[in-house]
Every structure is written in structure tokens, then in C-alpha cells.
Amino acid sequence: MAMETLADLFEEQIKDLYSAEKQLTKALPKMMKAAASEELKKAFEDHLAETTEQVARLEKIAELCEFKPTGEVCAAMKGLIEEGQKAMDEEGEDPILDAGLVAAAQRIEHYEMSGYGTAKRLAELLGEDEAVKLLDLTLGEEEAADEKLTEVAEQSLYPAAQSDEEGEEGDDEDEEESEEDESDDDAAEASEDDEEDTGKATGRNARGAAGGGKGAKKK
């Protein structure tokens, strides 16, 4: 569509957001399934319900402004979801993998907050008061979802990840100490063997010297 007025730009922004939210309604169930943390699963579940409502609000805005919300494909959201899929496909420790999911989800939230903030400002300029209210409601939900993800990460995932790493470091130190102890034991045994060999050699030398002395006396 031609971009000739702010109304045209507003329409394009709403369509882009509509595409983004529709894509997200398909991605969030996968993220829920991939998450190990029950808190993170709940956060995704709650936001899925909100996202469904946000789709309905965008449809309402399009109806108020007399255009269809379809017709655009949000390439940015498509890319963000692909990045999230990479996080879901990774292998490793649960707290680390969940933290990766949070990182991917927060990139999505920040994109949405930017989009809704722009759309809200355009609605204000166009005098679309009902659209402003609906967009402001969604913007508040996106900000709250972002804060919830931060809370889950800071209070649960990051501490668990650090605890796991400290445990692994402790295991490594125990292994090193065990190896050092074994090395010390080997060295001690080797030293004892050397002393024993030296003692035997000294005894032989002493007997040899004594035998030589006897031989000299016989002469």
C-alpha cells in the first residue's frame, strides 16, 4: 500500500502487529513445552492468554478504523521466533536452557513494546481515542510480561545456573586433589623403593668390602 498519510502508516503498523501476534500464538505453546522451570512455563502460559486477547484488540482497532488487519507478514517477528527455536533446540543444563528461552522471549517483548508504543502515538495524533485505550492496555501487558520474565530469571534461573557451575567447580577441585594425593602416594612409594634399593646396595657394598678385607688378611 502507498504511504501517503499518517493513517496509512497507522494501518500498516496495526497489520504488522497483528501478524506478529498471530505468529506468537503459535510459538508460545512450543516455548512452554521446552521450558523446564514451572515458573517459566506459567509465565508463557499467562502471556499466551494475553496474546490471544491482544489479537482480538487489534481486530477491534481495524474494525473501528475501517480496514482489515490482515495483509502483512511481520518479518521481524518471524526472525525473532526463529532465534527462539534455536534456543529450544539447544542441549545442556535446564537452568541455562531456560535462561536462553527468557532471552529469546524478552527480545520479542521489547520488539512488541516498541511497536505498540509507535502505534499508540500514531493513534493519538489521528484522534483515535478508542484505539489509544486498547493499544495502551496491550502495551502495559507487554511491559508486565517483560518484567515477569526478568523476575523469573533473576530469582530462579540465574541462581540455579550459578549453583550448578559452583558444584561442577567443586567436583573438578576434588578430582584434582585426588589426583594430587595419588601422585604424592606414588612419589612416596617410589622414594621408599629407592631407599630400600639404596639400603640393599649399601649392604652389598659393605659385605663386599668386608670380604675384600678378609682376602687381604689371608694373603
C-alpha atoms as a PDB file:
ATOM      1  CA  MET A   1       0.000   0.000   0.000  1.00  0.00           C
ATOM      2  CA  ALA A   2       1.104   3.580  -0.656  1.00  0.00           C
ATOM      3  CA  MET A   3       2.289   5.544   2.377  1.00  0.00           C
ATOM      4  CA  GLU A   4       0.783   8.976   1.854  1.00  0.00           C
ATOM      5  CA  THR A   5      -0.720   9.819   5.254  1.00  0.00           C
ATOM      6  CA  LEU A   6      -0.287   9.062   8.943  1.00  0.00           C
ATOM      7  CA  ALA A   7      -3.458   6.996   8.644  1.00  0.00           C
ATOM      8  CA  ASP A   8      -1.731   4.821   6.049  1.00  0.00           C
ATOM      9  CA  LEU A   9       1.250   4.377   8.368  1.00  0.00           C
ATOM     10  CA  PHE A  10      -1.039   3.564  11.296  1.00  0.00           C
ATOM     11  CA  GLU A  11      -2.838   0.926   9.253  1.00  0.00           C
ATOM     12  CA  GLU A  12       0.474  -0.647   8.221  1.00  0.00           C
ATOM     13  CA  GLN A  13       1.652  -0.704  11.854  1.00  0.00           C
ATOM     14  CA  ILE A  14      -1.537  -2.389  13.070  1.00  0.00           C
ATOM     15  CA  LYS A  15      -1.309  -5.012  10.338  1.00  0.00           C
ATOM     16  CA  ASP A  16       2.323  -5.684  11.226  1.00  0.00           C
ATOM     17  CA  LEU A  17       1.455  -6.092  14.903  1.00  0.00           C
ATOM     18  CA  TYR A  18      -1.457  -8.353  14.004  1.00  0.00           C
ATOM     19  CA  SER A  19       0.853 -10.629  12.020  1.00  0.00           C
ATOM     20  CA  ALA A  20       3.375 -10.598  14.872  1.00  0.00           C
ATOM     21  CA  GLU A  21       0.800 -11.594  17.486  1.00  0.00           C
ATOM     22  CA  LYS A  22      -0.687 -14.341  15.301  1.00  0.00           C
ATOM     23  CA  GLN A  23       2.790 -15.826  14.869  1.00  0.00           C
ATOM     24  CA  LEU A  24       3.402 -15.592  18.594  1.00  0.00           C
ATOM     25  CA  THR A  25       0.235 -17.503  19.466  1.00  0.00           C
ATOM     26  CA  LYS A  26       1.771 -20.460  17.609  1.00  0.00           C
ATOM     27  CA  ALA A  27       5.252 -20.058  19.109  1.00  0.00           C
ATOM     28  CA  LEU A  28       4.372 -19.673  22.800  1.00  0.00           C
ATOM     29  CA  PRO A  29       2.977 -23.213  23.257  1.00  0.00           C
ATOM     30  CA  LYS A  30       6.277 -24.570  21.921  1.00  0.00           C
ATOM     31  CA  MET A  31       8.224 -22.393  24.352  1.00  0.00           C
ATOM     32  CA  MET A  32       6.014 -23.608  27.198  1.00  0.00           C
ATOM     33  CA  LYS A  33       6.775 -27.206  26.273  1.00  0.00           C
ATOM     34  CA  ALA A  34      10.522 -26.534  26.030  1.00  0.00           C
ATOM     35  CA  ALA A  35      10.768 -24.795  29.412  1.00  0.00           C
ATOM     36  CA  ALA A  36      11.845 -26.903  32.394  1.00  0.00           C
ATOM     37  CA  SER A  37      11.013 -24.317  35.061  1.00  0.00           C
ATOM     38  CA  GLU A  38       7.397 -24.374  36.215  1.00  0.00           C
ATOM     39  CA  GLU A  39       7.564 -20.620  36.816  1.00  0.00           C
ATOM     40  CA  LEU A  40       8.691 -20.027  33.259  1.00  0.00           C
ATOM     41  CA  LYS A  41       6.021 -22.334  31.871  1.00  0.00           C
ATOM     42  CA  LYS A  42       3.406 -20.354  33.829  1.00  0.00           C
ATOM     43  CA  ALA A  43       4.771 -17.045  32.535  1.00  0.00           C
ATOM     44  CA  PHE A  44       4.499 -18.283  28.946  1.00  0.00           C
ATOM     45  CA  GLU A  45       1.037 -19.708  29.588  1.00  0.00           C
ATOM     46  CA  ASP A  46      -0.212 -16.423  31.059  1.00  0.00           C
ATOM     47  CA  HIS A  47       1.206 -14.414  28.182  1.00  0.00           C
ATOM     48  CA  LEU A  48      -0.367 -16.757  25.642  1.00  0.00           C
ATOM     49  CA  ALA A  49      -3.779 -15.915  27.114  1.00  0.00           C
ATOM     50  CA  GLU A  50      -2.904 -12.211  26.952  1.00  0.00           C
ATOM     51  CA  THR A  51      -1.684 -12.534  23.369  1.00  0.00           C
ATOM     52  CA  THR A  52      -4.988 -14.058  22.319  1.00  0.00           C
ATOM     53  CA  GLU A  53      -6.759 -11.018  23.787  1.00  0.00           C
ATOM     54  CA  GLN A  54      -4.285  -8.697  22.088  1.00  0.00           C
ATOM     55  CA  VAL A  55      -5.139 -10.233  18.714  1.00  0.00           C
ATOM     56  CA  ALA A  56      -8.822  -9.512  19.386  1.00  0.00           C
ATOM     57  CA  ARG A  57      -7.996  -5.889  20.300  1.00  0.00           C
ATOM     58  CA  LEU A  58      -6.127  -5.380  17.036  1.00  0.00           C
ATOM     59  CA  GLU A  59      -9.112  -6.771  15.166  1.00  0.00           C
ATOM     60  CA  LYS A  60     -11.315  -4.275  17.045  1.00  0.00           C
ATOM     61  CA  ILE A  61      -8.995  -1.379  16.144  1.00  0.00           C
ATOM     62  CA  ALA A  62      -9.034  -2.395  12.485  1.00  0.00           C
ATOM     63  CA  GLU A  63     -12.831  -2.506  12.582  1.00  0.00           C
ATOM     64  CA  LEU A  64     -13.017   0.955  14.175  1.00  0.00           C
ATOM     65  CA  CYS A  65     -10.655   2.374  11.543  1.00  0.00           C
ATOM     66  CA  GLU A  66     -12.388   0.533   8.709  1.00  0.00           C
ATOM     67  CA  PHE A  67      -9.625  -1.695   7.366  1.00  0.00           C
ATOM     68  CA  LYS A  68      -8.751  -5.376   7.541  1.00  0.00           C
ATOM     69  CA  PRO A  69      -5.914  -6.366   9.913  1.00  0.00           C
ATOM     70  CA  THR A  70      -4.557  -8.985   7.510  1.00  0.00           C
ATOM     71  CA  GLY A  71      -2.274  -8.481   4.523  1.00  0.00           C
ATOM     72  CA  GLU A  72       1.132  -8.042   6.168  1.00  0.00           C
ATOM     73  CA  VAL A  73       3.764 -10.549   7.275  1.00  0.00           C
ATOM     74  CA  CYS A  74       5.895  -9.366  10.160  1.00  0.00           C
ATOM     75  CA  ALA A  75       9.390 -10.422   9.079  1.00  0.00           C
ATOM     76  CA  ALA A  76      10.908  -9.170  12.329  1.00  0.00           C
ATOM     77  CA  MET A  77       8.731 -11.453  14.460  1.00  0.00           C
ATOM     78  CA  LYS A  78       9.436 -14.342  12.118  1.00  0.00           C
ATOM     79  CA  GLY A  79      13.165 -13.848  12.686  1.00  0.00           C
ATOM     80  CA  LEU A  80      12.771 -13.485  16.455  1.00  0.00           C
ATOM     81  CA  ILE A  81      10.765 -16.704  16.628  1.00  0.00           C
ATOM     82  CA  GLU A  82      13.439 -18.486  14.592  1.00  0.00           C
ATOM     83  CA  GLU A  83      16.007 -17.317  17.149  1.00  0.00           C
ATOM     84  CA  GLY A  84      13.745 -18.669  19.872  1.00  0.00           C
ATOM     85  CA  GLN A  85      13.566 -22.008  18.067  1.00  0.00           C
ATOM     86  CA  LYS A  86      17.353 -22.216  18.202  1.00  0.00           C
ATOM     87  CA  ALA A  87      17.162 -21.789  21.971  1.00  0.00           C
ATOM     88  CA  MET A  88      14.571 -24.567  22.145  1.00  0.00           C
ATOM     89  CA  ASP A  89      16.769 -26.910  20.107  1.00  0.00           C
ATOM     90  CA  GLU A  90      19.854 -26.472  22.301  1.00  0.00           C
ATOM     91  CA  GLU A  91      21.074 -29.190  24.694  1.00  0.00           C
ATOM     92  CA  GLY A  92      22.526 -28.592  28.140  1.00  0.00           C
ATOM     93  CA  GLU A  93      21.621 -27.830  31.752  1.00  0.00           C
ATOM     94  CA  ASP A  94      17.984 -26.880  32.403  1.00  0.00           C
ATOM     95  CA  PRO A  95      18.608 -23.508  34.127  1.00  0.00           C
ATOM     96  CA  ILE A  96      20.917 -22.410  31.303  1.00  0.00           C
ATOM     97  CA  LEU A  97      18.483 -23.508  28.595  1.00  0.00           C
ATOM     98  CA  ASP A  98      15.578 -21.783  30.359  1.00  0.00           C
ATOM     99  CA  ALA A  99      17.643 -18.600  30.672  1.00  0.00           C
ATOM    100  CA  GLY A 100      18.168 -18.798  26.912  1.00  0.00           C
ATOM    101  CA  LEU A 101      14.400 -19.027  26.426  1.00  0.00           C
ATOM    102  CA  VAL A 102      13.943 -15.949  28.597  1.00  0.00           C
ATOM    103  CA  ALA A 103      16.483 -14.063  26.497  1.00  0.00           C
ATOM    104  CA  ALA A 104      14.629 -15.005  23.306  1.00  0.00           C
ATOM    105  CA  ALA A 105      11.231 -14.139  24.808  1.00  0.00           C
ATOM    106  CA  GLN A 106      12.428 -10.765  26.061  1.00  0.00           C
ATOM    107  CA  ARG A 107      13.719  -9.838  22.615  1.00  0.00           C
ATOM    108  CA  ILE A 108      10.179 -10.486  21.392  1.00  0.00           C
ATOM    109  CA  GLU A 109       8.665  -8.425  24.209  1.00  0.00           C
ATOM    110  CA  HIS A 110      10.970  -5.485  23.525  1.00  0.00           C
ATOM    111  CA  TYR A 111      10.057  -5.564  19.842  1.00  0.00           C
ATOM    112  CA  GLU A 112       6.369  -5.585  20.696  1.00  0.00           C
ATOM    113  CA  MET A 113       6.710  -2.760  23.205  1.00  0.00           C
ATOM    114  CA  SER A 114       8.384  -0.650  20.536  1.00  0.00           C
ATOM    115  CA  GLY A 115       5.672  -1.468  18.004  1.00  0.00           C
ATOM    116  CA  TYR A 116       2.777  -0.778  20.340  1.00  0.00           C
ATOM    117  CA  GLY A 117       4.364   2.444  21.555  1.00  0.00           C
ATOM    118  CA  THR A 118       4.618   3.731  17.982  1.00  0.00           C
ATOM    119  CA  ALA A 119       1.080   2.622  17.115  1.00  0.00           C
ATOM    120  CA  LYS A 120      -0.298   4.285  20.241  1.00  0.00           C
ATOM    121  CA  ARG A 121       1.382   7.596  19.388  1.00  0.00           C
ATOM    122  CA  LEU A 122       0.033   7.489  15.843  1.00  0.00           C
ATOM    123  CA  ALA A 123      -3.466   6.779  17.189  1.00  0.00           C
ATOM    124  CA  GLU A 124      -3.146   9.827  19.462  1.00  0.00           C
ATOM    125  CA  LEU A 125      -2.162  12.025  16.523  1.00  0.00           C
ATOM    126  CA  LEU A 126      -5.076  10.720  14.475  1.00  0.00           C
ATOM    127  CA  GLY A 127      -7.567  11.292  17.292  1.00  0.00           C
ATOM    128  CA  GLU A 128      -8.426   7.576  17.518  1.00  0.00           C
ATOM    129  CA  ASP A 129      -9.200   7.635  21.233  1.00  0.00           C
ATOM    130  CA  GLU A 130     -10.631   4.118  21.483  1.00  0.00           C
ATOM    131  CA  ALA A 131      -7.606   2.716  19.662  1.00  0.00           C
ATOM    132  CA  VAL A 132      -5.330   4.596  22.063  1.00  0.00           C
ATOM    133  CA  LYS A 133      -7.009   2.927  25.039  1.00  0.00           C
ATOM    134  CA  LEU A 134      -6.774  -0.545  23.517  1.00  0.00           C
ATOM    135  CA  LEU A 135      -3.128  -0.103  22.496  1.00  0.00           C
ATOM    136  CA  ASP A 136      -2.223   1.313  25.900  1.00  0.00           C
ATOM    137  CA  LEU A 137      -3.774  -1.727  27.589  1.00  0.00           C
ATOM    138  CA  THR A 138      -1.713  -4.079  25.430  1.00  0.00           C
ATOM    139  CA  LEU A 139       1.452  -2.029  25.934  1.00  0.00           C
ATOM    140  CA  GLY A 140       1.015  -2.357  29.702  1.00  0.00           C
ATOM    141  CA  GLU A 141       0.649  -6.128  29.379  1.00  0.00           C
ATOM    142  CA  GLU A 142       3.818  -6.380  27.288  1.00  0.00           C
ATOM    143  CA  GLU A 143       5.775  -4.375  29.858  1.00  0.00           C
ATOM    144  CA  ALA A 144       4.425  -6.551  32.685  1.00  0.00           C
ATOM    145  CA  ALA A 145       5.318  -9.734  30.782  1.00  0.00           C
ATOM    146  CA  ASP A 146       8.854  -8.461  30.275  1.00  0.00           C
ATOM    147  CA  GLU A 147       9.167  -7.674  33.994  1.00  0.00           C
ATOM    148  CA  LYS A 148       7.851 -11.135  34.885  1.00  0.00           C
ATOM    149  CA  LEU A 149      10.473 -12.795  32.693  1.00  0.00           C
ATOM    150  CA  THR A 150      13.188 -10.735  34.379  1.00  0.00           C
ATOM    151  CA  GLU A 151      11.854 -11.770  37.790  1.00  0.00           C
ATOM    152  CA  VAL A 152      11.885 -15.470  36.881  1.00  0.00           C
ATOM    153  CA  ALA A 153      15.415 -15.220  35.540  1.00  0.00           C
ATOM    154  CA  GLU A 154      16.841 -13.221  38.459  1.00  0.00           C
ATOM    155  CA  GLN A 155      15.124 -15.078  41.293  1.00  0.00           C
ATOM    156  CA  SER A 156      15.211 -18.622  39.938  1.00  0.00           C
ATOM    157  CA  LEU A 157      17.146 -19.395  36.777  1.00  0.00           C
ATOM    158  CA  TYR A 158      20.368 -17.435  37.263  1.00  0.00           C
ATOM    159  CA  PRO A 159      20.904 -18.581  40.897  1.00  0.00           C
ATOM    160  CA  ALA A 160      20.261 -22.202  39.874  1.00  0.00           C
ATOM    161  CA  ALA A 161      22.695 -21.904  36.967  1.00  0.00           C
ATOM    162  CA  GLN A 162      25.404 -20.435  39.200  1.00  0.00           C
ATOM    163  CA  SER A 163      24.821 -23.131  41.828  1.00  0.00           C
ATOM    164  CA  ASP A 164      25.291 -25.837  39.199  1.00  0.00           C
ATOM    165  CA  GLU A 165      28.512 -24.221  37.970  1.00  0.00           C
ATOM    166  CA  GLU A 166      29.893 -23.942  41.511  1.00  0.00           C
ATOM    167  CA  GLY A 167      29.065 -27.607  42.087  1.00  0.00           C
ATOM    168  CA  GLU A 168      30.931 -28.571  38.928  1.00  0.00           C
ATOM    169  CA  GLU A 169      33.928 -26.480  40.006  1.00  0.00           C
ATOM    170  CA  GLY A 170      33.897 -28.227  43.387  1.00  0.00           C
ATOM    171  CA  ASP A 171      33.863 -31.624  41.676  1.00  0.00           C
ATOM    172  CA  ASP A 172      36.801 -30.569  39.495  1.00  0.00           C
ATOM    173  CA  GLU A 173      38.742 -29.432  42.565  1.00  0.00           C
ATOM    174  CA  ASP A 174      38.032 -32.754  44.322  1.00  0.00           C
ATOM    175  CA  GLU A 175      39.290 -34.632  41.265  1.00  0.00           C
ATOM    176  CA  GLU A 176      42.438 -32.513  41.172  1.00  0.00           C
ATOM    177  CA  GLU A 177      43.049 -33.090  44.891  1.00  0.00           C
ATOM    178  CA  SER A 178      42.514 -36.827  44.407  1.00  0.00           C
ATOM    179  CA  GLU A 179      44.981 -36.861  41.524  1.00  0.00           C
ATOM    180  CA  GLU A 180      47.481 -34.899  43.647  1.00  0.00           C
ATOM    181  CA  ASP A 181      47.051 -37.351  46.528  1.00  0.00           C
ATOM    182  CA  GLU A 182      47.619 -40.278  44.180  1.00  0.00           C
ATOM    183  CA  SER A 183      50.688 -38.559  42.789  1.00  0.00           C
ATOM    184  CA  ASP A 184      52.003 -37.958  46.302  1.00  0.00           C
ATOM    185  CA  ASP A 185      51.390 -41.607  47.209  1.00  0.00           C
ATOM    186  CA  ASP A 186      53.209 -42.757  44.081  1.00  0.00           C
ATOM    187  CA  ALA A 187      56.104 -40.451  44.876  1.00  0.00           C
ATOM    188  CA  ALA A 188      56.252 -41.738  48.455  1.00  0.00           C
ATOM    189  CA  GLU A 189      56.240 -45.346  47.289  1.00  0.00           C
ATOM    190  CA  ALA A 190      58.958 -44.571  44.769  1.00  0.00           C
ATOM    191  CA  SER A 191      61.012 -42.895  47.486  1.00  0.00           C
ATOM    192  CA  GLU A 192      60.582 -45.905  49.777  1.00  0.00           C
ATOM    193  CA  ASP A 193      61.629 -48.209  46.945  1.00  0.00           C
ATOM    194  CA  ASP A 194      64.687 -46.050  46.280  1.00  0.00           C
ATOM    195  CA  GLU A 195      65.624 -46.091  49.948  1.00  0.00           C
ATOM    196  CA  GLU A 196      65.177 -49.862  50.058  1.00  0.00           C
ATOM    197  CA  ASP A 197      67.316 -50.310  46.942  1.00  0.00           C
ATOM    198  CA  THR A 198      69.926 -47.940  48.369  1.00  0.00           C
ATOM    199  CA  GLY A 199      69.932 -49.858  51.624  1.00  0.00           C
ATOM    200  CA  LYS A 200      70.399 -53.151  49.814  1.00  0.00           C
ATOM    201  CA  ALA A 201      73.177 -51.698  47.706  1.00  0.00           C
ATOM    202  CA  THR A 202      74.900 -50.317  50.796  1.00  0.00           C
ATOM    203  CA  GLY A 203      74.633 -53.692  52.493  1.00  0.00           C
ATOM    204  CA  ARG A 204      76.164 -55.443  49.497  1.00  0.00           C
ATOM    205  CA  ASN A 205      78.954 -52.917  49.299  1.00  0.00           C
ATOM    206  CA  ALA A 206      79.672 -53.313  52.990  1.00  0.00           C
ATOM    207  CA  ARG A 207      79.784 -57.114  52.692  1.00  0.00           C
ATOM    208  CA  GLY A 208      81.991 -56.793  49.655  1.00  0.00           C
ATOM    209  CA  ALA A 209      84.377 -54.532  51.493  1.00  0.00           C
ATOM    210  CA  ALA A 210      84.438 -56.901  54.417  1.00  0.00           C
ATOM    211  CA  GLY A 211      85.111 -59.826  52.130  1.00  0.00           C
ATOM    212  CA  GLY A 212      87.895 -57.932  50.465  1.00  0.00           C
ATOM    213  CA  GLY A 213      89.451 -57.223  53.819  1.00  0.00           C
ATOM    214  CA  LYS A 214      89.423 -60.874  54.756  1.00  0.00           C
ATOM    215  CA  GLY A 215      91.007 -61.758  51.475  1.00  0.00           C
ATOM    216  CA  ALA A 216      93.768 -59.286  52.108  1.00  0.00           C
ATOM    217  CA  LYS A 217      94.493 -60.796  55.529  1.00  0.00           C
ATOM    218  CA  LYS A 218      94.744 -64.293  54.033  1.00  0.00           C
ATOM    219  CA  LYS A 219      97.376 -63.060  51.650  1.00  0.00           C
END
